[in-house]
C-alpha atoms as a PDB file:
ATOM      1  CA  MET A   1     140.024 121.601  94.987  1.00  0.00           C
ATOM      2  CA  ARG A   2     136.517 123.024  94.575  1.00  0.00           C
ATOM      3  CA  LEU A   3     135.580 125.339  91.808  1.00  0.00           C
ATOM      4  CA  MET A   4     132.107 126.901  91.102  1.00  0.00           C
ATOM      5  CA  VAL A   5     131.654 127.671  87.520  1.00  0.00           C
ATOM      6  CA  ILE A   6     129.279 127.924  84.632  1.00  0.00           C
ATOM      7  CA  GLY A   7     130.231 127.044  81.003  1.00  0.00           C
ATOM      8  CA  MET A   8     128.923 128.483  77.800  1.00  0.00           C
ATOM      9  CA  ALA A   9     130.122 127.176  74.546  1.00  0.00           C
ATOM     10  CA  ALA A  10     129.513 125.630  71.235  1.00  0.00           C
ATOM     11  CA  ALA A  11     130.857 122.707  69.664  1.00  0.00           C
ATOM     12  CA  LEU A  12     130.870 120.153  66.886  1.00  0.00           C
ATOM     13  CA  LEU A  13     128.871 118.259  64.813  1.00  0.00           C
ATOM     14  CA  SER A  14     125.894 118.599  62.505  1.00  0.00           C
ATOM     15  CA  SER A  15     126.548 114.930  62.935  1.00  0.00           C
ATOM     16  CA  ALA A  16     125.884 115.163  66.564  1.00  0.00           C
ATOM     17  CA  ALA A  17     122.078 114.802  65.961  1.00  0.00           C
ATOM     18  CA  SER A  18     121.959 112.891  62.641  1.00  0.00           C
ATOM     19  CA  ALA A  19     125.143 110.724  62.161  1.00  0.00           C
ATOM     20  CA  ALA A  20     126.645 107.691  64.040  1.00  0.00           C
ATOM     21  CA  PRO A  21     127.696 108.336  67.668  1.00  0.00           C
ATOM     22  CA  GLY A  22     131.430 108.936  67.822  1.00  0.00           C
ATOM     23  CA  LEU A  23     131.926 109.851  64.197  1.00  0.00           C
ATOM     24  CA  GLY A  24     134.197 112.940  64.312  1.00  0.00           C
ATOM     25  CA  ASP A  25     133.794 113.012  68.104  1.00  0.00           C
ATOM     26  CA  LYS A  26     136.067 112.266  71.049  1.00  0.00           C
ATOM     27  CA  VAL A  27     135.958 111.466  74.631  1.00  0.00           C
ATOM     28  CA  TYR A  28     136.689 114.682  76.592  1.00  0.00           C
ATOM     29  CA  GLY A  29     138.868 114.889  79.685  1.00  0.00           C
ATOM     30  CA  ALA A  30     138.030 117.001  82.725  1.00  0.00           C
ATOM     31  CA  THR A  31     141.647 118.206  83.319  1.00  0.00           C
ATOM     32  CA  LEU A  32     142.755 121.406  81.761  1.00  0.00           C
ATOM     33  CA  HIS A  33     146.338 122.401  80.889  1.00  0.00           C
ATOM     34  CA  PRO A  34     146.968 126.295  81.125  1.00  0.00           C
ATOM     35  CA  GLY A  35     148.711 128.019  78.329  1.00  0.00           C
ATOM     36  CA  VAL A  36     148.334 124.983  75.919  1.00  0.00           C
ATOM     37  CA  THR A  37     146.887 125.663  72.362  1.00  0.00           C
ATOM     38  CA  GLU A  38     145.582 122.589  70.410  1.00  0.00           C
ATOM     39  CA  VAL A  39     145.135 122.225  66.673  1.00  0.00           C
ATOM     40  CA  GLU A  40     143.199 119.078  66.039  1.00  0.00           C
ATOM     41  CA  ALA A  41     141.745 116.932  63.266  1.00  0.00           C
ATOM     42  CA  ARG A  42     139.280 114.127  63.960  1.00  0.00           C
ATOM     43  CA  TYR A  43     138.347 111.584  61.251  1.00  0.00           C
ATOM     44  CA  GLY A  44     135.697 108.895  61.309  1.00  0.00           C
ATOM     45  CA  ARG A  45     134.418 106.506  58.709  1.00  0.00           C
ATOM     46  CA  LEU A  46     131.625 104.000  58.679  1.00  0.00           C
ATOM     47  CA  THR A  47     132.572 100.623  57.166  1.00  0.00           C
ATOM     48  CA  GLY A  48     130.289  97.910  55.753  1.00  0.00           C
ATOM     49  CA  GLY A  49     126.438  98.014  55.383  1.00  0.00           C
ATOM     50  CA  HIS A  50     124.204 100.601  53.783  1.00  0.00           C
ATOM     51  CA  ALA A  51     126.100 103.438  55.434  1.00  0.00           C
ATOM     52  CA  ASP A  52     129.496 102.407  54.158  1.00  0.00           C
ATOM     53  CA  GLY A  53     131.643 105.108  53.216  1.00  0.00           C
ATOM     54  CA  GLU A  54     129.771 107.827  55.342  1.00  0.00           C
ATOM     55  CA  ASP A  55     132.441 109.825  57.133  1.00  0.00           C
ATOM     56  CA  ALA A  56     133.070 112.990  59.220  1.00  0.00           C
ATOM     57  CA  LEU A  57     136.066 115.288  59.318  1.00  0.00           C
ATOM     58  CA  VAL A  58     136.373 117.869  62.109  1.00  0.00           C
ATOM     59  CA  LEU A  59     138.993 120.485  62.207  1.00  0.00           C
ATOM     60  CA  GLY A  60     139.507 122.682  65.208  1.00  0.00           C
ATOM     61  CA  VAL A  61     141.636 125.071  67.221  1.00  0.00           C
ATOM     62  CA  ALA A  62     141.368 125.355  70.989  1.00  0.00           C
ATOM     63  CA  HIS A  63     143.156 127.185  73.933  1.00  0.00           C
ATOM     64  CA  ASN A  64     143.432 126.434  77.507  1.00  0.00           C
ATOM     65  CA  PHE A  65     143.033 129.882  78.913  1.00  0.00           C
ATOM     66  CA  SER A  66     143.573 128.754  82.581  1.00  0.00           C
ATOM     67  CA  SER A  67     143.233 125.720  84.737  1.00  0.00           C
ATOM     68  CA  ARG A  68     139.330 126.520  84.792  1.00  0.00           C
ATOM     69  CA  PHE A  69     138.478 127.492  81.290  1.00  0.00           C
ATOM     70  CA  PHE A  70     138.948 125.904  77.770  1.00  0.00           C
ATOM     71  CA  GLY A  71     137.549 127.399  74.569  1.00  0.00           C
ATOM     72  CA  ALA A  72     137.399 126.147  70.999  1.00  0.00           C
ATOM     73  CA  VAL A  73     135.984 126.505  67.568  1.00  0.00           C
ATOM     74  CA  LEU A  74     135.535 123.590  65.227  1.00  0.00           C
ATOM     75  CA  PHE A  75     134.462 123.023  61.636  1.00  0.00           C
ATOM     76  CA  ASP A  76     132.416 119.770  60.764  1.00  0.00           C
ATOM     77  CA  LEU A  77     133.197 118.691  57.125  1.00  0.00           C
ATOM     78  CA  GLU A  78     130.813 115.804  56.459  1.00  0.00           C
ATOM     79  CA  LYS A  79     130.555 113.488  53.529  1.00  0.00           C
ATOM     80  CA  GLU A  80     127.709 111.145  52.553  1.00  0.00           C
ATOM     81  CA  PRO A  81     128.467 108.177  50.419  1.00  0.00           C
ATOM     82  CA  ASN A  82     129.124 109.107  46.707  1.00  0.00           C
ATOM     83  CA  GLU A  83     128.864 112.866  47.601  1.00  0.00           C
ATOM     84  CA  HIS A  84     131.294 115.636  47.934  1.00  0.00           C
ATOM     85  CA  ARG A  85     132.450 116.832  51.259  1.00  0.00           C
ATOM     86  CA  ARG A  86     130.825 119.983  52.579  1.00  0.00           C
ATOM     87  CA  LEU A  87     130.720 122.152  55.583  1.00  0.00           C
ATOM     88  CA  GLY A  88     128.002 120.825  57.790  1.00  0.00           C
ATOM     89  CA  ALA A  89     128.419 122.981  60.832  1.00  0.00           C
ATOM     90  CA  VAL A  90     130.593 125.637  62.591  1.00  0.00           C
ATOM     91  CA  ALA A  91     130.700 125.111  66.381  1.00  0.00           C
ATOM     92  CA  PHE A  92     131.984 126.738  69.524  1.00  0.00           C
ATOM     93  CA  GLU A  93     132.654 125.057  72.795  1.00  0.00           C
ATOM     94  CA  GLY A  94     133.799 125.815  76.218  1.00  0.00           C
ATOM     95  CA  ILE A  95     134.803 123.622  79.267  1.00  0.00           C
ATOM     96  CA  VAL A  96     134.816 124.884  82.818  1.00  0.00           C
ATOM     97  CA  THR A  97     136.107 122.717  85.599  1.00  0.00           C
ATOM     98  CA  LEU A  98     133.903 121.921  88.591  1.00  0.00           C
ATOM     99  CA  GLY A  99     136.574 120.397  90.845  1.00  0.00           C
ATOM    100  CA  HIS A 100     137.779 117.146  92.451  1.00  0.00           C
ATOM    101  CA  ILE A 101     135.495 114.533  93.857  1.00  0.00           C
ATOM    102  CA  GLY A 102     137.897 113.218  96.587  1.00  0.00           C
ATOM    103  CA  GLY A 103     135.964 110.174  97.639  1.00  0.00           C
ATOM    104  CA  LEU A 104     135.895 108.774  94.129  1.00  0.00           C
ATOM    105  CA  GLY A 105     139.193 110.203  92.856  1.00  0.00           C
ATOM    106  CA  LEU A 106     137.436 111.899  89.924  1.00  0.00           C
ATOM    107  CA  ASP A 107     137.949 115.293  88.260  1.00  0.00           C
ATOM    108  CA  ALA A 108     134.666 116.846  87.024  1.00  0.00           C
ATOM    109  CA  ALA A 109     134.110 119.513  84.512  1.00  0.00           C
ATOM    110  CA  LEU A 110     131.238 120.884  82.410  1.00  0.00           C
ATOM    111  CA  LEU A 111     131.291 121.403  78.644  1.00  0.00           C
ATOM    112  CA  GLY A 112     128.713 123.630  76.908  1.00  0.00           C
ATOM    113  CA  GLU A 113     127.969 123.553  73.263  1.00  0.00           C
ATOM    114  CA  TYR A 114     126.259 125.755  70.607  1.00  0.00           C
ATOM    115  CA  VAL A 115     126.311 124.313  67.062  1.00  0.00           C
ATOM    116  CA  LEU A 116     125.501 126.288  64.030  1.00  0.00           C
ATOM    117  CA  VAL A 117     124.124 123.740  61.573  1.00  0.00           C
ATOM    118  CA  ARG A 118     124.003 124.483  57.749  1.00  0.00           C
ATOM    119  CA  GLY A 119     120.498 123.882  56.358  1.00  0.00           C
ATOM    120  CA  GLY A 120     119.081 122.846  59.573  1.00  0.00           C
ATOM    121  CA  ALA A 121     118.204 123.804  63.214  1.00  0.00           C
ATOM    122  CA  ASP A 122     120.944 124.854  65.455  1.00  0.00           C
ATOM    123  CA  HIS A 123     121.745 122.847  68.472  1.00  0.00           C
ATOM    124  CA  VAL A 124     122.613 123.351  72.240  1.00  0.00           C
ATOM    125  CA  ALA A 125     124.254 120.684  74.285  1.00  0.00           C
ATOM    126  CA  THR A 126     125.997 120.037  77.533  1.00  0.00           C
ATOM    127  CA  ARG A 127     128.321 117.361  78.866  1.00  0.00           C
ATOM    128  CA  LEU A 128     129.254 116.339  82.189  1.00  0.00           C
ATOM    129  CA  LEU A 129     132.899 115.325  82.080  1.00  0.00           C
ATOM    130  CA  LEU A 130     134.356 112.831  84.585  1.00  0.00           C
ATOM    131  CA  GLN A 131     137.890 111.742  84.562  1.00  0.00           C
ATOM    132  CA  ARG A 132     140.063 109.455  86.809  1.00  0.00           C
ATOM    133  CA  HIS A 133     143.745 109.399  86.296  1.00  0.00           C
ATOM    134  CA  GLN A 134     145.726 107.080  88.600  1.00  0.00           C
ATOM    135  CA  GLY A 135     149.243 105.764  87.783  1.00  0.00           C
ATOM    136  CA  PRO A 136     149.199 104.168  84.290  1.00  0.00           C
ATOM    137  CA  PHE A 137     145.282 104.306  84.027  1.00  0.00           C
ATOM    138  CA  ASP A 138     143.200 106.944  82.624  1.00  0.00           C
ATOM    139  CA  GLY A 139     139.405 106.637  82.595  1.00  0.00           C
ATOM    140  CA  ARG A 140     136.780 109.179  81.086  1.00  0.00           C
ATOM    141  CA  LEU A 141     133.178 109.329  80.958  1.00  0.00           C
ATOM    142  CA  ASN A 142     131.001 112.031  79.126  1.00  0.00           C
ATOM    143  CA  LEU A 143     127.240 112.154  79.807  1.00  0.00           C
ATOM    144  CA  ILE A 144     125.566 114.226  77.092  1.00  0.00           C
ATOM    145  CA  ALA A 145     122.347 116.044  76.750  1.00  0.00           C
ATOM    146  CA  GLU A 146     121.367 117.821  73.493  1.00  0.00           C
ATOM    147  CA  LYS A 147     118.495 119.591  72.042  1.00  0.00           C
ATOM    148  CA  ALA A 148     117.683 121.115  68.549  1.00  0.00           C
ATOM    149  CA  LEU A 149     116.501 124.690  68.688  1.00  0.00           C
ATOM    150  CA  GLU A 150     113.132 123.934  66.932  1.00  0.00           C
ATOM    151  CA  ARG A 151     109.596 123.688  68.131  1.00  0.00           C
ATOM    152  CA  ASP A 152     108.582 120.357  69.886  1.00  0.00           C
ATOM    153  CA  SER A 153     112.072 118.853  69.702  1.00  0.00           C
ATOM    154  CA  HIS A 154     113.089 116.463  72.490  1.00  0.00           C
ATOM    155  CA  ILE A 155     116.262 116.463  74.488  1.00  0.00           C
ATOM    156  CA  HIS A 156     118.418 113.648  73.310  1.00  0.00           C
ATOM    157  CA  PHE A 157     120.967 111.762  75.697  1.00  0.00           C
ATOM    158  CA  GLY A 158     124.040 110.061  74.949  1.00  0.00           C
ATOM    159  CA  TYR A 159     127.441 108.864  76.284  1.00  0.00           C
ATOM    160  CA  ALA A 160     131.078 108.718  75.364  1.00  0.00           C
ATOM    161  CA  ALA A 161     133.709 106.677  77.460  1.00  0.00           C
ATOM    162  CA  SER A 162     137.208 105.496  77.239  1.00  0.00           C
ATOM    163  CA  ALA A 163     139.654 103.588  79.510  1.00  0.00           C
ATOM    164  CA  ASP A 164     143.372 103.097  78.581  1.00  0.00           C
ATOM    165  CA  TRP A 165     146.588 102.147  80.213  1.00  0.00           C
ATOM    166  CA  ALA A 166     150.243 103.017  79.622  1.00  0.00           C
ATOM    167  CA  ALA A 167     151.861 100.374  77.427  1.00  0.00           C
ATOM    168  CA  ALA A 168     155.302 100.872  76.068  1.00  0.00           C
ATOM    169  CA  GLY A 169     157.159 104.105  75.565  1.00  0.00           C
ATOM    170  CA  PRO A 170     154.730 106.858  74.490  1.00  0.00           C
ATOM    171  CA  PHE A 171     151.909 104.263  73.672  1.00  0.00           C
ATOM    172  CA  ARG A 172     148.672 103.622  75.517  1.00  0.00           C
ATOM    173  CA  ALA A 173     146.200 100.915  74.721  1.00  0.00           C
ATOM    174  CA  GLY A 174     142.568 100.603  75.856  1.00  0.00           C
ATOM    175  CA  ALA A 175     138.965 100.901  74.537  1.00  0.00           C
ATOM    176  CA  ALA A 176     136.278 103.462  73.790  1.00  0.00           C
ATOM    177  CA  ALA A 177     132.553 103.650  73.440  1.00  0.00           C
ATOM    178  CA  PHE A 178     129.889 105.932  72.090  1.00  0.00           C
ATOM    179  CA  GLY A 179     126.226 105.551  72.038  1.00  0.00           C
ATOM    180  CA  GLU A 180     122.736 106.873  72.345  1.00  0.00           C
ATOM    181  CA  LEU A 181     120.508 106.733  75.504  1.00  0.00           C
ATOM    182  CA  GLY A 182     117.137 107.939  73.893  1.00  0.00           C
ATOM    183  CA  ASP A 183     115.337 111.110  74.625  1.00  0.00           C
ATOM    184  CA  THR A 184     112.840 112.653  76.890  1.00  0.00           C
ATOM    185  CA  GLU A 185     109.973 110.758  75.086  1.00  0.00           C
ATOM    186  CA  HIS A 186     111.663 107.293  74.775  1.00  0.00           C
ATOM    187  CA  PHE A 187     114.530 106.736  77.271  1.00  0.00           C
ATOM    188  CA  LEU A 188     116.827 103.650  76.700  1.00  0.00           C
ATOM    189  CA  PRO A 189     115.356 102.288  73.488  1.00  0.00           C
ATOM    190  CA  ARG A 190     117.194 100.049  71.138  1.00  0.00           C
ATOM    191  CA  ALA A 191     119.625 102.479  69.811  1.00  0.00           C
ATOM    192  CA  ASP A 192     123.033 103.073  68.110  1.00  0.00           C
ATOM    193  CA  HIS A 193     126.174 101.992  70.076  1.00  0.00           C
ATOM    194  CA  TYR A 194     129.794 101.529  68.966  1.00  0.00           C
ATOM    195  CA  VAL A 195     132.631 100.044  71.149  1.00  0.00           C
ATOM    196  CA  GLY A 196     136.223  98.845  70.274  1.00  0.00           C
ATOM    197  CA  PRO A 197     139.910  99.030  70.872  1.00  0.00           C
ATOM    198  CA  ILE A 198     141.967 102.163  70.645  1.00  0.00           C
ATOM    199  CA  VAL A 199     145.635 102.842  70.677  1.00  0.00           C
ATOM    200  CA  LYS A 200     147.021 106.354  71.774  1.00  0.00           C
ATOM    201  CA  ALA A 201     150.454 107.906  71.565  1.00  0.00           C
ATOM    202  CA  ASP A 202     152.020 111.183  72.884  1.00  0.00           C
ATOM    203  CA  ILE A 203     155.068 112.215  70.960  1.00  0.00           C
ATOM    204  CA  GLU A 204     156.868 115.025  72.747  1.00  0.00           C
ATOM    205  CA  HIS A 205     159.512 117.600  71.529  1.00  0.00           C
ATOM    206  CA  MET A 206     158.062 118.199  68.093  1.00  0.00           C
ATOM    207  CA  PRO A 207     159.221 121.357  66.023  1.00  0.00           C
ATOM    208  CA  GLY A 208     158.530 124.438  68.038  1.00  0.00           C
ATOM    209  CA  GLY A 209     158.506 122.574  71.283  1.00  0.00           C
ATOM    210  CA  ALA A 210     155.068 121.115  70.539  1.00  0.00           C
ATOM    211  CA  ASP A 211     153.630 117.670  71.322  1.00  0.00           C
ATOM    212  CA  LEU A 212     151.706 115.531  68.976  1.00  0.00           C
ATOM    213  CA  GLY A 213     148.783 113.234  70.279  1.00  0.00           C
ATOM    214  CA  ILE A 214     147.582 110.495  68.131  1.00  0.00           C
ATOM    215  CA  GLU A 215     144.594 108.170  68.738  1.00  0.00           C
ATOM    216  CA  ALA A 216     143.543 105.433  66.314  1.00  0.00           C
ATOM    217  CA  GLY A 217     140.920 102.574  66.699  1.00  0.00           C
ATOM    218  CA  TYR A 218     138.076 100.658  65.319  1.00  0.00           C
ATOM    219  CA  LEU A 219     134.651 100.605  66.948  1.00  0.00           C
ATOM    220  CA  PHE A 220     132.202  97.707  66.317  1.00  0.00           C
ATOM    221  CA  ALA A 221     128.589  98.562  65.590  1.00  0.00           C
ATOM    222  CA  LEU A 222     126.092  97.294  68.233  1.00  0.00           C
ATOM    223  CA  GLY A 223     122.303  97.533  68.751  1.00  0.00           C
ATOM    224  CA  HIS A 224     120.361  99.499  66.110  1.00  0.00           C
ATOM    225  CA  ALA A 225     123.719 100.529  64.360  1.00  0.00           C
ATOM    226  CA  ARG A 226     124.154  96.997  63.262  1.00  0.00           C
ATOM    227  CA  ASP A 227     121.275  97.506  60.897  1.00  0.00           C
ATOM    228  CA  GLU A 228     123.387 100.122  58.985  1.00  0.00           C
ATOM    229  CA  THR A 229     126.974  99.418  59.229  1.00  0.00           C
ATOM    230  CA  ASP A 230     129.694  96.977  60.747  1.00  0.00           C
ATOM    231  CA  GLY A 231     131.515  99.749  62.516  1.00  0.00           C
ATOM    232  CA  GLN A 232     133.759 102.801  62.173  1.00  0.00           C
ATOM    233  CA  ILE A 233     137.436 103.632  61.741  1.00  0.00           C
ATOM    234  CA  ARG A 234     138.781 106.531  63.933  1.00  0.00           C
ATOM    235  CA  LEU A 235     141.807 108.685  63.756  1.00  0.00           C
ATOM    236  CA  LEU A 236     142.416 111.667  65.890  1.00  0.00           C
ATOM    237  CA  LEU A 237     145.450 114.041  65.783  1.00  0.00           C
ATOM    238  CA  GLU A 238     146.235 116.812  68.222  1.00  0.00           C
ATOM    239  CA  TYR A 239     149.126 119.337  67.777  1.00  0.00           C
ATOM    240  CA  LYS A 240     149.733 121.053  71.101  1.00  0.00           C
ATOM    241  CA  LEU A 241     151.684 124.156  71.490  1.00  0.00           C
ATOM    242  CA  HIS A 242     152.905 125.407  74.791  1.00  0.00           C
ATOM    243  CA  PHE A 243     152.858 129.108  75.678  1.00  0.00           C
END
């Protein structure tokens, strides 16, 4: 299937530019499910080091309008150590499918973001979403480019990736990674990276005919991130309603 599309959107994170990669974020898939509405919560917390206790809570609602377009609005509720939680950003996002790369067995999509940042410059971003799903295996790669809407700001690059396999019953096990790739001035510097194990579960036939998706894991800090923290705890919940 070949689809020609453009995506305009906005999404997450005041933390997208300032906090640890992956904190309150997720690895997006490239396959859409028409008619499904998702209510989600994403929580991440840094453990150990100078940044111990810094966390992010992202709440959002999204709808798969068709097999080609997905739209969402999210609220980033951030918290610095020893401070109260506050609304850091309101964001909108959209995903448009690009099609299937037959030779590689990959589904591809484009995510566009516009982030309204409280007390700072807004951001625009895009992600190329790649996904391979074959039998018990699901692999995902997001290649990210982001820019603050202020004078002389550089384009920042990053990635998010995951790979997991069906385990027992509704459970899946694998690993996830998030990191920085530098910017247009300094590409591939010593930067922040996080990688570690994850466990997923999809619980079907919840009240109202909904499904509940759960992801939990711990990502170890690598590179420059080790100067600030030991790693991050992650918990993602998605309540999916079918219409």
